[in-house]
Amino acid sequence: MPANRVMTFLFLLALAVVTSNDGLAVDPPPARPVAMRRVQEGERAGDRQREGTKLTEVVGRFELAGDRITFYPNGGRESYRVLENLALERVSQVLSESRARQDWTISGVLTEFRGNNYLLLNKAVVKSAAEAR
């Protein structure tokens, strides 16, 4: 075989090995399962929660600090910065209309970043004045 044909053959062979699924490509490691537990009553306040922890029907209040909103569950020392999404935008509108302290019932999912928890809201319902009495 002439040299240029040998080089072409080797190039095509190498290309076939690299682009084939059975070649040297490495499959990504399997994803870690996400914890899907609910926050239980009686857990120590202030403990960081695991990624994916669901909050369901938790009563508390929102507070505005600069351009960030934080959620404070009733009866606990912990607080969660709330991640921006449409649910938070609606909460923000209600907060801007009234500076009175309001109780909310929320549901969402907690995330972790650099040792802190953040809340991604799924649902937020403000208690009306009639309900608070």
Protein backbone atom coordinates (compact mmCIF):
# COMPACT_ATOMS: atom_id res chain seq x y z
CA MET A 1 0.00 0.00 0.00
CA PRO A 2 1.25 3.46 -0.73
CA ALA A 3 2.00 5.65 2.31
CA ASN A 4 -0.89 8.08 1.75
CA ARG A 5 -3.39 5.19 1.67
CA VAL A 6 -1.96 3.78 4.90
CA MET A 7 -2.26 7.19 6.57
CA THR A 8 -5.84 7.58 5.31
CA PHE A 9 -6.72 4.10 6.56
CA LEU A 10 -5.22 4.79 10.01
CA PHE A 11 -6.99 8.15 10.19
CA LEU A 12 -10.36 6.57 9.35
CA LEU A 13 -9.77 3.76 11.83
CA ALA A 14 -8.92 6.23 14.61
CA LEU A 15 -11.97 8.32 13.74
CA ALA A 16 -14.21 5.26 13.90
CA VAL A 17 -12.85 4.32 17.34
CA VAL A 18 -13.28 7.81 18.75
CA THR A 19 -16.82 8.32 17.43
CA SER A 20 -18.17 4.87 18.25
CA ASN A 21 -20.12 4.22 21.43
CA ASP A 22 -17.89 1.27 22.18
CA GLY A 23 -14.72 3.34 21.91
CA LEU A 24 -12.86 5.18 24.61
CA ALA A 25 -15.78 7.39 25.66
CA VAL A 26 -16.58 7.19 29.36
CA ASP A 27 -20.15 7.13 30.58
CA PRO A 28 -20.94 9.79 33.19
CA PRO A 29 -21.23 8.55 36.76
CA PRO A 30 -24.77 7.79 37.93
CA ALA A 31 -26.55 10.75 39.50
CA ARG A 32 -26.78 10.85 43.27
CA PRO A 33 -30.31 10.29 44.51
CA VAL A 34 -31.92 13.44 45.90
CA ALA A 35 -33.29 13.27 49.42
CA MET A 36 -37.07 13.59 49.30
CA ARG A 37 -38.04 13.73 52.93
CA ARG A 38 -40.34 16.19 54.59
CA VAL A 39 -39.29 18.39 57.47
CA GLN A 40 -40.49 16.60 60.58
CA GLU A 41 -41.82 18.28 63.69
CA GLY A 42 -39.37 18.07 66.53
CA GLU A 43 -36.28 18.45 64.37
CA ARG A 44 -33.76 20.78 65.91
CA ALA A 45 -34.29 24.34 64.79
CA GLY A 46 -31.42 25.81 62.82
CA ASP A 47 -30.24 22.50 61.36
CA ARG A 48 -29.39 22.76 57.69
CA GLN A 49 -31.78 20.66 55.64
CA ARG A 50 -30.72 18.35 52.82
CA GLU A 51 -31.05 19.21 49.12
CA GLY A 52 -34.56 18.36 47.90
CA THR A 53 -36.25 18.53 51.31
CA LYS A 54 -39.90 19.41 50.77
CA LEU A 55 -41.69 21.95 52.93
CA THR A 56 -45.45 21.38 52.93
CA GLU A 57 -48.03 23.74 54.44
CA VAL A 58 -45.49 25.56 56.63
CA VAL A 59 -46.76 28.72 58.35
CA GLY A 60 -44.43 31.70 58.67
CA ARG A 61 -43.70 35.19 57.43
CA PHE A 62 -41.71 36.85 54.67
CA GLU A 63 -39.36 39.76 55.29
CA LEU A 64 -37.81 42.04 52.71
CA ALA A 65 -34.11 42.91 53.16
CA GLY A 66 -32.76 45.02 50.33
CA ASP A 67 -33.68 43.22 47.13
CA ARG A 68 -33.88 39.76 48.76
CA ILE A 69 -36.84 38.12 50.50
CA THR A 70 -36.38 35.72 53.40
CA PHE A 71 -38.94 33.27 54.80
CA TYR A 72 -39.10 32.72 58.58
CA PRO A 73 -41.13 29.66 59.67
CA ASN A 74 -43.14 30.19 62.88
CA GLY A 75 -41.63 28.59 65.96
CA GLY A 76 -38.17 28.09 64.48
CA ARG A 77 -34.84 29.88 64.47
CA GLU A 78 -34.03 28.96 60.88
CA SER A 79 -34.74 31.15 57.90
CA TYR A 80 -34.50 30.59 54.18
CA ARG A 81 -33.59 33.03 51.44
CA VAL A 82 -36.20 32.62 48.74
CA LEU A 83 -35.09 31.97 45.17
CA GLU A 84 -36.57 34.12 42.46
CA ASN A 85 -39.48 32.66 40.51
CA LEU A 86 -43.08 33.58 39.64
CA ALA A 87 -44.40 32.57 43.07
CA LEU A 88 -41.92 34.92 44.76
CA GLU A 89 -42.85 37.71 42.36
CA ARG A 90 -46.47 37.42 43.51
CA VAL A 91 -45.42 37.38 47.17
CA SER A 92 -43.31 40.47 46.52
CA GLN A 93 -46.32 42.29 45.05
CA VAL A 94 -48.38 41.55 48.17
CA LEU A 95 -45.53 42.64 50.45
CA SER A 96 -45.12 45.92 48.55
CA GLU A 97 -48.83 46.70 48.92
CA SER A 98 -48.86 46.33 52.71
CA ARG A 99 -46.14 46.69 55.33
CA ALA A 100 -48.29 44.97 58.00
CA ARG A 101 -46.96 41.66 59.26
CA GLN A 102 -48.75 38.85 57.44
CA ASP A 103 -48.78 35.14 58.08
CA TRP A 104 -48.31 32.90 55.06
CA THR A 105 -48.72 29.18 54.42
CA ILE A 106 -46.11 27.97 51.96
CA SER A 107 -44.96 24.85 50.17
CA GLY A 108 -41.67 24.47 48.38
CA VAL A 109 -38.36 22.68 48.03
CA LEU A 110 -35.11 23.47 49.83
CA THR A 111 -31.78 23.64 48.05
CA GLU A 112 -28.25 23.85 49.45
CA PHE A 113 -25.41 26.13 48.41
CA ARG A 114 -22.20 26.80 50.34
CA GLY A 115 -23.62 25.57 53.62
CA ASN A 116 -26.88 27.52 53.43
CA ASN A 117 -30.43 26.54 52.55
CA TYR A 118 -32.52 28.34 49.96
CA LEU A 119 -36.24 27.99 49.34
CA LEU A 120 -37.80 27.49 45.92
CA LEU A 121 -41.47 28.37 46.39
CA ASN A 122 -44.16 26.23 44.82
CA LYS A 123 -47.12 27.81 46.62
CA ALA A 124 -47.65 30.75 48.96
CA VAL A 125 -51.02 31.72 50.44
CA VAL A 126 -51.41 34.79 52.65
CA LYS A 127 -53.85 34.56 55.56
CA SER A 128 -56.58 37.16 55.33
CA ALA A 129 -57.32 39.46 58.26
CA ALA A 130 -60.49 37.48 58.97
CA GLU A 131 -58.53 34.20 59.21
CA ALA A 132 -55.97 35.72 61.58
CA ARG A 133 -58.62 36.49 64.24
